Every structure is written in structure tokens, then in C-alpha cells.
């Protein structure tokens, strides 16, 4: 097993474009597009995952299997969070009653 904090997992920003391009080149892959998560070990990006494409690139000269596992877990968590309806929508769905279906109680 590996520690969950072995890598820093973060969303890629505009300043990561060159790093991601180099990482894709080293991995002989096309550059990623869309929302991208990056795994950083120390000060070097070792792997990246495109949430939108569900595609990864990684440094083939480093042990990146743990980083890829963490990237996939984080992407799954982000996607799940984004797909979860708001509390208001969940309450409305649970308490939705069709109009005219409320029965009156006689004493």
C-alpha cells in the first residue's frame, strides 16, 4: 500500500500547459484536453488525467501506478460530487405529491 499523501493531486491551470505538453511527449501520447488533474511528486508532474476524456499520461521513467490510482480516485470523487443533486432538489423529489391526490380526512 502507499500513503494517500505520496503525491499532490490538483487541477491543472494555465501555467501547467508546457509541463503537460512535455509529459505527453515523453509518454508518446497526444496532449490531454478538458479538465485535467495532475499528480505532482515533489516539484515534478509525474502523471495527469483528463476528467473529460478519461485518458491519462504518465512519465514512463518513474513509478507512476500509485499516482494513477490516486488520480482516478480523485476524478471519480469529483464526477460523483458534480452529479449529485442539490439538497433542495433531493428534498423536493422525496416530498413531491401530485396535485389533487391529497385525500381529506373526515371526523
PDB file of N, CA and C in Angstrom:
ATOM      1  N   UNK A   1       0.848  -1.186   0.000  1.00  0.00           N
ATOM      2  CA  UNK A   1       0.000   0.000   0.000  1.00  0.00           C
ATOM      3  C   UNK A   1       0.892   1.247   0.000  1.00  0.00           C
ATOM      4  N   UNK A   2       0.346   2.333  -0.388  1.00  0.00           N
ATOM      5  CA  UNK A   2       1.093   3.583  -0.434  1.00  0.00           C
ATOM      6  C   UNK A   2       0.284   4.649   0.288  1.00  0.00           C
ATOM      7  N   UNK A   3       0.957   5.630   0.841  1.00  0.00           N
ATOM      8  CA  UNK A   3       0.220   6.687   1.542  1.00  0.00           C
ATOM      9  C   UNK A   3      -0.560   7.562   0.567  1.00  0.00           C
ATOM     10  N   UNK A   4      -1.734   8.007   1.026  1.00  0.00           N
ATOM     11  CA  UNK A   4      -2.586   8.842   0.182  1.00  0.00           C
ATOM     12  C   UNK A   4      -1.964  10.200  -0.096  1.00  0.00           C
ATOM     13  N   UNK A   5      -1.006  10.615   0.723  1.00  0.00           N
ATOM     14  CA  UNK A   5      -0.371  11.917   0.509  1.00  0.00           C
ATOM     15  C   UNK A   5       0.999  11.781  -0.153  1.00  0.00           C
ATOM     16  N   UNK A   6       1.243  10.678  -0.830  1.00  0.00           N
ATOM     17  CA  UNK A   6       2.523  10.479  -1.512  1.00  0.00           C
ATOM     18  C   UNK A   6       2.680  11.454  -2.679  1.00  0.00           C
ATOM     19  N   UNK A   7       1.568  11.877  -3.253  1.00  0.00           N
ATOM     20  CA  UNK A   7       1.566  12.810  -4.376  1.00  0.00           C
ATOM     21  C   UNK A   7       0.590  13.935  -4.071  1.00  0.00           C
ATOM     22  N   UNK A   8       0.864  15.086  -4.638  1.00  0.00           N
ATOM     23  CA  UNK A   8      -0.089  16.185  -4.574  1.00  0.00           C
ATOM     24  C   UNK A   8      -0.972  16.076  -5.809  1.00  0.00           C
ATOM     25  N   UNK A   9      -2.272  15.971  -5.594  1.00  0.00           N
ATOM     26  CA  UNK A   9      -3.233  15.888  -6.691  1.00  0.00           C
ATOM     27  C   UNK A   9      -3.951  17.231  -6.770  1.00  0.00           C
ATOM     28  N   UNK A  10      -3.923  17.856  -7.947  1.00  0.00           N
ATOM     29  CA  UNK A  10      -4.567  19.160  -8.097  1.00  0.00           C
ATOM     30  C   UNK A  10      -5.057  19.330  -9.525  1.00  0.00           C
ATOM     31  N   UNK A  11      -5.981  20.275  -9.704  1.00  0.00           N
ATOM     32  CA  UNK A  11      -6.442  20.614 -11.044  1.00  0.00           C
ATOM     33  C   UNK A  11      -5.350  21.395 -11.761  1.00  0.00           C
ATOM     34  N   UNK A  12      -5.168  21.112 -13.015  1.00  0.00           N
ATOM     35  CA  UNK A  12      -4.162  21.822 -13.812  1.00  0.00           C
ATOM     36  C   UNK A  12      -4.659  23.219 -14.143  1.00  0.00           C
ATOM     37  N   UNK A  13      -3.744  24.148 -14.147  1.00  0.00           N
ATOM     38  CA  UNK A  13      -4.053  25.528 -14.509  1.00  0.00           C
ATOM     39  C   UNK A  13      -3.394  25.892 -15.831  1.00  0.00           C
ATOM     40  N   UNK A  14      -3.564  27.133 -16.231  1.00  0.00           N
ATOM     41  CA  UNK A  14      -2.972  27.609 -17.488  1.00  0.00           C
ATOM     42  C   UNK A  14      -1.446  27.516 -17.473  1.00  0.00           C
ATOM     43  N   UNK A  15      -0.853  27.688 -16.293  1.00  0.00           N
ATOM     44  CA  UNK A  15       0.603  27.643 -16.194  1.00  0.00           C
ATOM     45  C   UNK A  15       1.169  26.224 -16.302  1.00  0.00           C
ATOM     46  N   UNK A  16       0.303  25.204 -16.351  1.00  0.00           N
ATOM     47  CA  UNK A  16       0.751  23.814 -16.471  1.00  0.00           C
ATOM     48  C   UNK A  16       0.791  23.332 -17.920  1.00  0.00           C
ATOM     49  N   UNK A  17       0.417  24.157 -18.868  1.00  0.00           N
ATOM     50  CA  UNK A  17       0.313  23.736 -20.271  1.00  0.00           C
ATOM     51  C   UNK A  17       1.624  23.158 -20.799  1.00  0.00           C
ATOM     52  N   UNK A  18       2.724  23.835 -20.557  1.00  0.00           N
ATOM     53  CA  UNK A  18       4.013  23.360 -21.057  1.00  0.00           C
ATOM     54  C   UNK A  18       4.423  22.052 -20.379  1.00  0.00           C
ATOM     55  N   UNK A  19       4.201  21.951 -19.087  1.00  0.00           N
ATOM     56  CA  UNK A  19       4.525  20.725 -18.347  1.00  0.00           C
ATOM     57  C   UNK A  19       3.716  19.555 -18.880  1.00  0.00           C
ATOM     58  N   UNK A  20       2.432  19.773 -19.135  1.00  0.00           N
ATOM     59  CA  UNK A  20       1.575  18.706 -19.653  1.00  0.00           C
ATOM     60  C   UNK A  20       1.962  18.325 -21.076  1.00  0.00           C
ATOM     61  N   UNK A  21       2.366  19.294 -21.869  1.00  0.00           N
ATOM     62  CA  UNK A  21       2.811  19.002 -23.223  1.00  0.00           C
ATOM     63  C   UNK A  21       4.064  18.127 -23.199  1.00  0.00           C
ATOM     64  N   UNK A  22       5.019  18.478 -22.331  1.00  0.00           N
ATOM     65  CA  UNK A  22       6.249  17.685 -22.212  1.00  0.00           C
ATOM     66  C   UNK A  22       5.959  16.281 -21.694  1.00  0.00           C
ATOM     67  N   UNK A  23       5.065  16.187 -20.718  1.00  0.00           N
ATOM     68  CA  UNK A  23       4.707  14.886 -20.154  1.00  0.00           C
ATOM     69  C   UNK A  23       4.054  14.003 -21.224  1.00  0.00           C
ATOM     70  N   UNK A  24       3.184  14.572 -22.045  1.00  0.00           N
ATOM     71  CA  UNK A  24       2.556  13.815 -23.139  1.00  0.00           C
ATOM     72  C   UNK A  24       3.601  13.381 -24.161  1.00  0.00           C
ATOM     73  N   UNK A  25       4.544  14.252 -24.430  1.00  0.00           N
ATOM     74  CA  UNK A  25       5.598  13.933 -25.392  1.00  0.00           C
ATOM     75  C   UNK A  25       6.469  12.780 -24.894  1.00  0.00           C
ATOM     76  N   UNK A  26       6.854  12.808 -23.630  1.00  0.00           N
ATOM     77  CA  UNK A  26       7.670  11.746 -23.048  1.00  0.00           C
ATOM     78  C   UNK A  26       6.915  10.417 -23.056  1.00  0.00           C
ATOM     79  N   UNK A  27       5.579  10.483 -22.890  1.00  0.00           N
ATOM     80  CA  UNK A  27       4.746   9.278 -22.858  1.00  0.00           C
ATOM     81  C   UNK A  27       4.289   8.866 -24.260  1.00  0.00           C
ATOM     82  N   UNK A  28       4.729   9.585 -25.302  1.00  0.00           N
ATOM     83  CA  UNK A  28       4.342   9.320 -26.687  1.00  0.00           C
ATOM     84  C   UNK A  28       2.825   9.317 -26.869  1.00  0.00           C
ATOM     85  N   UNK A  29       2.167  10.278 -26.244  1.00  0.00           N
ATOM     86  CA  UNK A  29       0.715  10.416 -26.317  1.00  0.00           C
ATOM     87  C   UNK A  29       0.373  11.810 -26.842  1.00  0.00           C
ATOM     88  N   UNK A  30      -0.874  11.953 -27.274  1.00  0.00           N
ATOM     89  CA  UNK A  30      -1.373  13.280 -27.617  1.00  0.00           C
ATOM     90  C   UNK A  30      -1.634  14.049 -26.331  1.00  0.00           C
ATOM     91  N   UNK A  31      -1.505  15.361 -26.357  1.00  0.00           N
ATOM     92  CA  UNK A  31      -1.784  16.151 -25.149  1.00  0.00           C
ATOM     93  C   UNK A  31      -3.229  15.979 -24.692  1.00  0.00           C
ATOM     94  N   UNK A  32      -3.439  16.082 -23.397  1.00  0.00           N
ATOM     95  CA  UNK A  32      -4.772  15.977 -22.824  1.00  0.00           C
ATOM     96  C   UNK A  32      -5.534  17.276 -23.050  1.00  0.00           C
ATOM     97  N   UNK A  33      -6.852  17.178 -23.022  1.00  0.00           N
ATOM     98  CA  UNK A  33      -7.670  18.379 -23.124  1.00  0.00           C
ATOM     99  C   UNK A  33      -8.801  18.288 -22.109  1.00  0.00           C
ATOM    100  N   UNK A  34      -9.477  19.406 -21.928  1.00  0.00           N
ATOM    101  CA  UNK A  34     -10.566  19.457 -20.956  1.00  0.00           C
ATOM    102  C   UNK A  34     -10.048  19.710 -19.552  1.00  0.00           C
ATOM    103  N   UNK A  35     -10.825  19.297 -18.572  1.00  0.00           N
ATOM    104  CA  UNK A  35     -10.400  19.450 -17.175  1.00  0.00           C
ATOM    105  C   UNK A  35      -9.374  18.367 -16.858  1.00  0.00           C
ATOM    106  N   UNK A  36      -8.233  18.788 -16.321  1.00  0.00           N
ATOM    107  CA  UNK A  36      -7.116  17.869 -16.115  1.00  0.00           C
ATOM    108  C   UNK A  36      -6.677  17.898 -14.658  1.00  0.00           C
ATOM    109  N   UNK A  37      -6.489  16.700 -14.093  1.00  0.00           N
ATOM    110  CA  UNK A  37      -5.890  16.554 -12.775  1.00  0.00           C
ATOM    111  C   UNK A  37      -4.424  16.183 -12.956  1.00  0.00           C
ATOM    112  N   UNK A  38      -3.572  16.726 -12.102  1.00  0.00           N
ATOM    113  CA  UNK A  38      -2.137  16.479 -12.186  1.00  0.00           C
ATOM    114  C   UNK A  38      -1.658  15.877 -10.871  1.00  0.00           C
ATOM    115  N   UNK A  39      -0.789  14.862 -10.981  1.00  0.00           N
ATOM    116  CA  UNK A  39      -0.130  14.281  -9.807  1.00  0.00           C
ATOM    117  C   UNK A  39       1.300  14.814  -9.782  1.00  0.00           C
ATOM    118  N   UNK A  40       1.639  15.460  -8.688  1.00  0.00           N
ATOM    119  CA  UNK A  40       2.962  16.075  -8.551  1.00  0.00           C
ATOM    120  C   UNK A  40       3.724  15.363  -7.449  1.00  0.00           C
ATOM    121  N   UNK A  41       4.955  14.972  -7.751  1.00  0.00           N
ATOM    122  CA  UNK A  41       5.843  14.352  -6.770  1.00  0.00           C
ATOM    123  C   UNK A  41       6.987  15.333  -6.534  1.00  0.00           C
ATOM    124  N   UNK A  42       6.999  15.942  -5.368  1.00  0.00           N
ATOM    125  CA  UNK A  42       7.988  16.978  -5.082  1.00  0.00           C
ATOM    126  C   UNK A  42       7.659  18.214  -5.886  1.00  0.00           C
ATOM    127  N   UNK A  43       8.458  18.474  -6.913  1.00  0.00           N
ATOM    128  CA  UNK A  43       8.183  19.637  -7.766  1.00  0.00           C
ATOM    129  C   UNK A  43       7.959  19.242  -9.221  1.00  0.00           C
ATOM    130  N   UNK A  44       7.852  17.946  -9.500  1.00  0.00           N
ATOM    131  CA  UNK A  44       7.693  17.480 -10.879  1.00  0.00           C
ATOM    132  C   UNK A  44       6.350  16.782 -11.081  1.00  0.00           C
ATOM    133  N   UNK A  45       5.676  17.142 -12.157  1.00  0.00           N
ATOM    134  CA  UNK A  45       4.440  16.449 -12.528  1.00  0.00           C
ATOM    135  C   UNK A  45       4.827  15.086 -13.086  1.00  0.00           C
ATOM    136  N   UNK A  46       4.261  14.015 -12.517  1.00  0.00           N
ATOM    137  CA  UNK A  46       4.619  12.667 -12.956  1.00  0.00           C
ATOM    138  C   UNK A  46       3.492  11.996 -13.735  1.00  0.00           C
ATOM    139  N   UNK A  47       2.263  12.479 -13.572  1.00  0.00           N
ATOM    140  CA  UNK A  47       1.126  11.896 -14.280  1.00  0.00           C
ATOM    141  C   UNK A  47      -0.002  12.909 -14.324  1.00  0.00           C
ATOM    142  N   UNK A  48      -0.893  12.713 -15.292  1.00  0.00           N
ATOM    143  CA  UNK A  48      -2.055  13.589 -15.424  1.00  0.00           C
ATOM    144  C   UNK A  48      -3.215  12.780 -15.986  1.00  0.00           C
ATOM    145  N   UNK A  49      -4.417  13.207 -15.647  1.00  0.00           N
ATOM    146  CA  UNK A  49      -5.631  12.530 -16.110  1.00  0.00           C
ATOM    147  C   UNK A  49      -6.618  13.580 -16.578  1.00  0.00           C
ATOM    148  N   UNK A  50      -7.176  13.370 -17.767  1.00  0.00           N
ATOM    149  CA  UNK A  50      -8.219  14.251 -18.273  1.00  0.00           C
ATOM    150  C   UNK A  50      -9.556  13.702 -17.795  1.00  0.00           C
ATOM    151  N   UNK A  51     -10.262  14.480 -16.996  1.00  0.00           N
ATOM    152  CA  UNK A  51     -11.563  14.053 -16.477  1.00  0.00           C
ATOM    153  C   UNK A  51     -12.553  13.914 -17.617  1.00  0.00           C
ATOM    154  N   UNK A  52     -12.498  14.818 -18.584  1.00  0.00           N
ATOM    155  CA  UNK A  52     -13.444  14.821 -19.691  1.00  0.00           C
ATOM    156  C   UNK A  52     -13.186  13.695 -20.689  1.00  0.00           C
ATOM    157  N   UNK A  53     -11.922  13.391 -20.946  1.00  0.00           N
ATOM    158  CA  UNK A  53     -11.567  12.344 -21.902  1.00  0.00           C
ATOM    159  C   UNK A  53     -11.379  10.979 -21.253  1.00  0.00           C
ATOM    160  N   UNK A  54     -11.222  10.954 -19.929  1.00  0.00           N
ATOM    161  CA  UNK A  54     -10.905   9.729 -19.182  1.00  0.00           C
ATOM    162  C   UNK A  54      -9.656   9.066 -19.773  1.00  0.00           C
ATOM    163  N   UNK A  55      -8.614   9.878 -19.944  1.00  0.00           N
ATOM    164  CA  UNK A  55      -7.359   9.436 -20.530  1.00  0.00           C
ATOM    165  C   UNK A  55      -6.221   9.930 -19.667  1.00  0.00           C
ATOM    166  N   UNK A  56      -5.143   9.136 -19.575  1.00  0.00           N
ATOM    167  CA  UNK A  56      -4.019   9.507 -18.725  1.00  0.00           C
ATOM    168  C   UNK A  56      -2.735   9.614 -19.544  1.00  0.00           C
ATOM    169  N   UNK A  57      -1.812  10.385 -18.999  1.00  0.00           N
ATOM    170  CA  UNK A  57      -0.438  10.405 -19.470  1.00  0.00           C
ATOM    171  C   UNK A  57       0.434  10.303 -18.228  1.00  0.00           C
ATOM    172  N   UNK A  58       1.581   9.656 -18.379  1.00  0.00           N
ATOM    173  CA  UNK A  58       2.454   9.469 -17.227  1.00  0.00           C
ATOM    174  C   UNK A  58       3.911   9.388 -17.684  1.00  0.00           C
ATOM    175  N   UNK A  59       4.800   9.720 -16.783  1.00  0.00           N
ATOM    176  CA  UNK A  59       6.229   9.638 -17.052  1.00  0.00           C
ATOM    177  C   UNK A  59       6.624   8.159 -17.047  1.00  0.00           C
ATOM    178  N   UNK A  60       7.048   7.613 -18.182  1.00  0.00           N
ATOM    179  CA  UNK A  60       7.378   6.184 -18.226  1.00  0.00           C
ATOM    180  C   UNK A  60       8.664   5.820 -17.485  1.00  0.00           C
ATOM    181  N   UNK A  61       9.417   6.811 -17.076  1.00  0.00           N
ATOM    182  CA  UNK A  61      10.677   6.555 -16.391  1.00  0.00           C
ATOM    183  C   UNK A  61      10.557   6.609 -14.873  1.00  0.00           C
ATOM    184  N   UNK A  62       9.331   6.771 -14.392  1.00  0.00           N
ATOM    185  CA  UNK A  62       9.081   6.821 -12.941  1.00  0.00           C
ATOM    186  C   UNK A  62       7.989   5.835 -12.592  1.00  0.00           C
ATOM    187  N   UNK A  63       7.942   5.449 -11.338  1.00  0.00           N
ATOM    188  CA  UNK A  63       6.891   4.548 -10.861  1.00  0.00           C
ATOM    189  C   UNK A  63       5.637   5.389 -10.638  1.00  0.00           C
ATOM    190  N   UNK A  64       4.670   5.273 -11.549  1.00  0.00           N
ATOM    191  CA  UNK A  64       3.500   6.143 -11.502  1.00  0.00           C
ATOM    192  C   UNK A  64       2.197   5.414 -11.208  1.00  0.00           C
ATOM    193  N   UNK A  65       2.233   4.105 -10.993  1.00  0.00           N
ATOM    194  CA  UNK A  65       0.996   3.364 -10.720  1.00  0.00           C
ATOM    195  C   UNK A  65       0.247   3.930  -9.516  1.00  0.00           C
ATOM    196  N   UNK A  66       0.920   4.233  -8.390  1.00  0.00           N
ATOM    197  CA  UNK A  66       0.187   4.829  -7.262  1.00  0.00           C
ATOM    198  C   UNK A  66      -0.406   6.197  -7.611  1.00  0.00           C
ATOM    199  N   UNK A  67       0.322   6.991  -8.378  1.00  0.00           N
ATOM    200  CA  UNK A  67      -0.187   8.309  -8.778  1.00  0.00           C
ATOM    201  C   UNK A  67      -1.421   8.165  -9.656  1.00  0.00           C
ATOM    202  N   UNK A  68      -1.406   7.209 -10.573  1.00  0.00           N
ATOM    203  CA  UNK A  68      -2.556   6.990 -11.442  1.00  0.00           C
ATOM    204  C   UNK A  68      -3.766   6.516 -10.649  1.00  0.00           C
ATOM    205  N   UNK A  69      -3.544   5.680  -9.648  1.00  0.00           N
ATOM    206  CA  UNK A  69      -4.649   5.226  -8.801  1.00  0.00           C
ATOM    207  C   UNK A  69      -5.261   6.408  -8.050  1.00  0.00           C
ATOM    208  N   UNK A  70      -4.422   7.279  -7.512  1.00  0.00           N
ATOM    209  CA  UNK A  70      -4.924   8.454  -6.801  1.00  0.00           C
ATOM    210  C   UNK A  70      -5.645   9.415  -7.749  1.00  0.00           C
ATOM    211  N   UNK A  71      -5.132   9.576  -8.948  1.00  0.00           N
ATOM    212  CA  UNK A  71      -5.792  10.441  -9.931  1.00  0.00           C
ATOM    213  C   UNK A  71      -7.181   9.903 -10.277  1.00  0.00           C
ATOM    214  N   UNK A  72      -7.276   8.595 -10.478  1.00  0.00           N
ATOM    215  CA  UNK A  72      -8.574   8.006 -10.813  1.00  0.00           C
ATOM    216  C   UNK A  72      -9.568   8.138  -9.666  1.00  0.00           C
ATOM    217  N   UNK A  73      -9.086   7.950  -8.426  1.00  0.00           N
ATOM    218  CA  UNK A  73      -9.974   8.108  -7.266  1.00  0.00           C
ATOM    219  C   UNK A  73     -10.474   9.538  -7.156  1.00  0.00           C
ATOM    220  N   UNK A  74      -9.576  10.497  -7.340  1.00  0.00           N
ATOM    221  CA  UNK A  74      -9.964  11.906  -7.227  1.00  0.00           C
ATOM    222  C   UNK A  74     -10.929  12.295  -8.346  1.00  0.00           C
ATOM    223  N   UNK A  75     -10.684  11.827  -9.563  1.00  0.00           N
ATOM    224  CA  UNK A  75     -11.582  12.119 -10.683  1.00  0.00           C
ATOM    225  C   UNK A  75     -12.957  11.519 -10.434  1.00  0.00           C
ATOM    226  N   UNK A  76     -12.992  10.316  -9.887  1.00  0.00           N
ATOM    227  CA  UNK A  76     -14.266   9.677  -9.574  1.00  0.00           C
ATOM    228  C   UNK A  76     -15.020  10.464  -8.506  1.00  0.00           C
ATOM    229  N   UNK A  77     -14.310  10.946  -7.509  1.00  0.00           N
ATOM    230  CA  UNK A  77     -14.942  11.736  -6.447  1.00  0.00           C
ATOM    231  C   UNK A  77     -15.482  13.058  -7.007  1.00  0.00           C
ATOM    232  N   UNK A  78     -14.722  13.721  -7.839  1.00  0.00           N
ATOM    233  CA  UNK A  78     -15.180  14.984  -8.436  1.00  0.00           C
ATOM    234  C   UNK A  78     -16.405  14.771  -9.316  1.00  0.00           C
ATOM    235  N   UNK A  79     -16.376  13.727 -10.127  1.00  0.00           N
ATOM    236  CA  UNK A  79     -17.504  13.436 -11.007  1.00  0.00           C
ATOM    237  C   UNK A  79     -18.750  13.089 -10.195  1.00  0.00           C
ATOM    238  N   UNK A  80     -18.583  12.292  -9.161  1.00  0.00           N
ATOM    239  CA  UNK A  80     -19.710  11.933  -8.305  1.00  0.00           C
ATOM    240  C   UNK A  80     -20.305  13.148  -7.618  1.00  0.00           C
ATOM    241  N   UNK A  81     -19.456  14.024  -7.136  1.00  0.00           N
ATOM    242  CA  UNK A  81     -19.925  15.241  -6.470  1.00  0.00           C
ATOM    243  C   UNK A  81     -20.703  16.125  -7.443  1.00  0.00           C
ATOM    244  N   UNK A  82     -20.187  16.254  -8.664  1.00  0.00           N
ATOM    245  CA  UNK A  82     -20.847  17.095  -9.669  1.00  0.00           C
ATOM    246  C   UNK A  82     -22.202  16.524 -10.084  1.00  0.00           C
ATOM    247  N   UNK A  83     -22.365  15.212 -10.037  1.00  0.00           N
ATOM    248  CA  UNK A  83     -23.604  14.581 -10.472  1.00  0.00           C
ATOM    249  C   UNK A  83     -24.639  14.458  -9.357  1.00  0.00           C
ATOM    250  N   UNK A  84     -24.241  14.724  -8.120  1.00  0.00           N
ATOM    251  CA  UNK A  84     -25.177  14.634  -7.009  1.00  0.00           C
ATOM    252  C   UNK A  84     -26.108  15.838  -7.025  1.00  0.00           C
ATOM    253  N   UNK A  85     -27.427  15.590  -7.015  1.00  0.00           N
ATOM    254  CA  UNK A  85     -28.361  16.720  -6.997  1.00  0.00           C
ATOM    255  C   UNK A  85     -28.210  17.530  -5.701  1.00  0.00           C
ATOM    256  N   UNK A  86     -28.593  18.786  -5.762  1.00  0.00           N
ATOM    257  CA  UNK A  86     -28.514  19.641  -4.578  1.00  0.00           C
ATOM    258  C   UNK A  86     -29.474  19.127  -3.508  1.00  0.00           C
ATOM    259  N   UNK A  87     -29.272  19.553  -2.289  1.00  0.00           N
ATOM    260  CA  UNK A  87     -30.144  19.147  -1.189  1.00  0.00           C
ATOM    261  C   UNK A  87     -31.578  19.555  -1.483  1.00  0.00           C
ATOM    262  N   UNK A  88     -31.757  20.744  -2.012  1.00  0.00           N
ATOM    263  CA  UNK A  88     -33.106  21.220  -2.325  1.00  0.00           C
ATOM    264  C   UNK A  88     -33.797  20.289  -3.322  1.00  0.00           C
ATOM    265  N   UNK A  89     -33.079  19.897  -4.381  1.00  0.00           N
ATOM    266  CA  UNK A  89     -33.658  19.014  -5.385  1.00  0.00           C
ATOM    267  C   UNK A  89     -33.982  17.642  -4.800  1.00  0.00           C
ATOM    268  N   UNK A  90     -33.114  17.143  -3.913  1.00  0.00           N
ATOM    269  CA  UNK A  90     -33.374  15.831  -3.306  1.00  0.00           C
ATOM    270  C   UNK A  90     -34.592  15.882  -2.396  1.00  0.00           C
ATOM    271  N   UNK A  91     -34.748  16.955  -1.624  1.00  0.00           N
ATOM    272  CA  UNK A  91     -35.915  17.081  -0.739  1.00  0.00           C
ATOM    273  C   UNK A  91     -37.181  17.219  -1.565  1.00  0.00           C
ATOM    274  N   UNK A  92     -37.140  18.025  -2.601  1.00  0.00           N
ATOM    275  CA  UNK A  92     -38.326  18.200  -3.462  1.00  0.00           C
ATOM    276  C   UNK A  92     -38.728  16.883  -4.110  1.00  0.00           C
ATOM    277  N   UNK A  93     -37.755  16.112  -4.559  1.00  0.00           N
ATOM    278  CA  UNK A  93     -38.069  14.827  -5.191  1.00  0.00           C
ATOM    279  C   UNK A  93     -38.668  13.847  -4.184  1.00  0.00           C
ATOM    280  N   UNK A  94     -38.198  13.906  -2.951  1.00  0.00           N
ATOM    281  CA  UNK A  94     -38.691  12.981  -1.931  1.00  0.00           C
ATOM    282  C   UNK A  94     -40.078  13.360  -1.429  1.00  0.00           C
ATOM    283  N   UNK A  95     -40.432  14.627  -1.534  1.00  0.00           N
ATOM    284  CA  UNK A  95     -41.723  15.069  -0.993  1.00  0.00           C
ATOM    285  C   UNK A  95     -42.703  15.482  -2.071  1.00  0.00           C
ATOM    286  N   UNK A  96     -42.416  15.201  -3.303  1.00  0.00           N
ATOM    287  CA  UNK A  96     -43.287  15.592  -4.404  1.00  0.00           C
ATOM    288  C   UNK A  96     -44.612  14.829  -4.305  1.00  0.00           C
ATOM    289  N   UNK A  97     -45.702  15.562  -4.338  1.00  0.00           N
ATOM    290  CA  UNK A  97     -47.049  14.983  -4.294  1.00  0.00           C
ATOM    291  C   UNK A  97     -47.812  15.546  -5.479  1.00  0.00           C
ATOM    292  N   UNK A  98     -48.481  14.680  -6.187  1.00  0.00           N
ATOM    293  CA  UNK A  98     -49.266  15.131  -7.342  1.00  0.00           C
ATOM    294  C   UNK A  98     -50.443  15.971  -6.876  1.00  0.00           C
ATOM    295  N   UNK A  99     -50.742  17.028  -7.602  1.00  0.00           N
ATOM    296  CA  UNK A  99     -51.862  17.904  -7.249  1.00  0.00           C
ATOM    297  C   UNK A  99     -53.171  17.119  -7.357  1.00  0.00           C
ATOM    298  N   UNK A 100     -54.055  17.378  -6.379  1.00  0.00           N
ATOM    299  CA  UNK A 100     -55.360  16.733  -6.396  1.00  0.00           C
ATOM    300  C   UNK A 100     -55.372  15.328  -5.815  1.00  0.00           C
ATOM    301  N   UNK A 101     -54.204  14.846  -5.375  1.00  0.00           N
ATOM    302  CA  UNK A 101     -54.173  13.500  -4.823  1.00  0.00           C
ATOM    303  C   UNK A 101     -54.216  13.491  -3.303  1.00  0.00           C
ATOM    304  N   UNK A 102     -54.331  14.662  -2.709  1.00  0.00           N
ATOM    305  CA  UNK A 102     -54.381  14.736  -1.238  1.00  0.00           C
ATOM    306  C   UNK A 102     -55.796  14.404  -0.807  1.00  0.00           C
ATOM    307  N   UNK A 103     -55.946  13.392  -0.002  1.00  0.00           N
ATOM    308  CA  UNK A 103     -57.264  12.966   0.476  1.00  0.00           C
ATOM    309  C   UNK A 103     -57.644  13.779   1.711  1.00  0.00           C
ATOM    310  N   UNK A 104     -58.910  14.092   1.841  1.00  0.00           N
ATOM    311  CA  UNK A 104     -59.377  14.821   3.018  1.00  0.00           C
ATOM    312  C   UNK A 104     -59.814  13.823   4.070  1.00  0.00           C
ATOM    313  N   UNK A 105     -59.541  14.145   5.287  1.00  0.00           N
ATOM    314  CA  UNK A 105     -59.882  13.286   6.416  1.00  0.00           C
ATOM    315  C   UNK A 105     -61.171  13.807   7.044  1.00  0.00           C
ATOM    316  N   UNK A 106     -62.151  12.918   7.214  1.00  0.00           N
ATOM    317  CA  UNK A 106     -63.420  13.317   7.825  1.00  0.00           C
ATOM    318  C   UNK A 106     -63.443  12.799   9.257  1.00  0.00           C
ATOM    319  N   UNK A 107     -63.978  13.642  10.153  1.00  0.00           N
ATOM    320  CA  UNK A 107     -64.007  13.267  11.553  1.00  0.00           C
ATOM    321  C   UNK A 107     -65.272  12.555  11.936  1.00  0.00           C
TER     322      UNK A 107
END
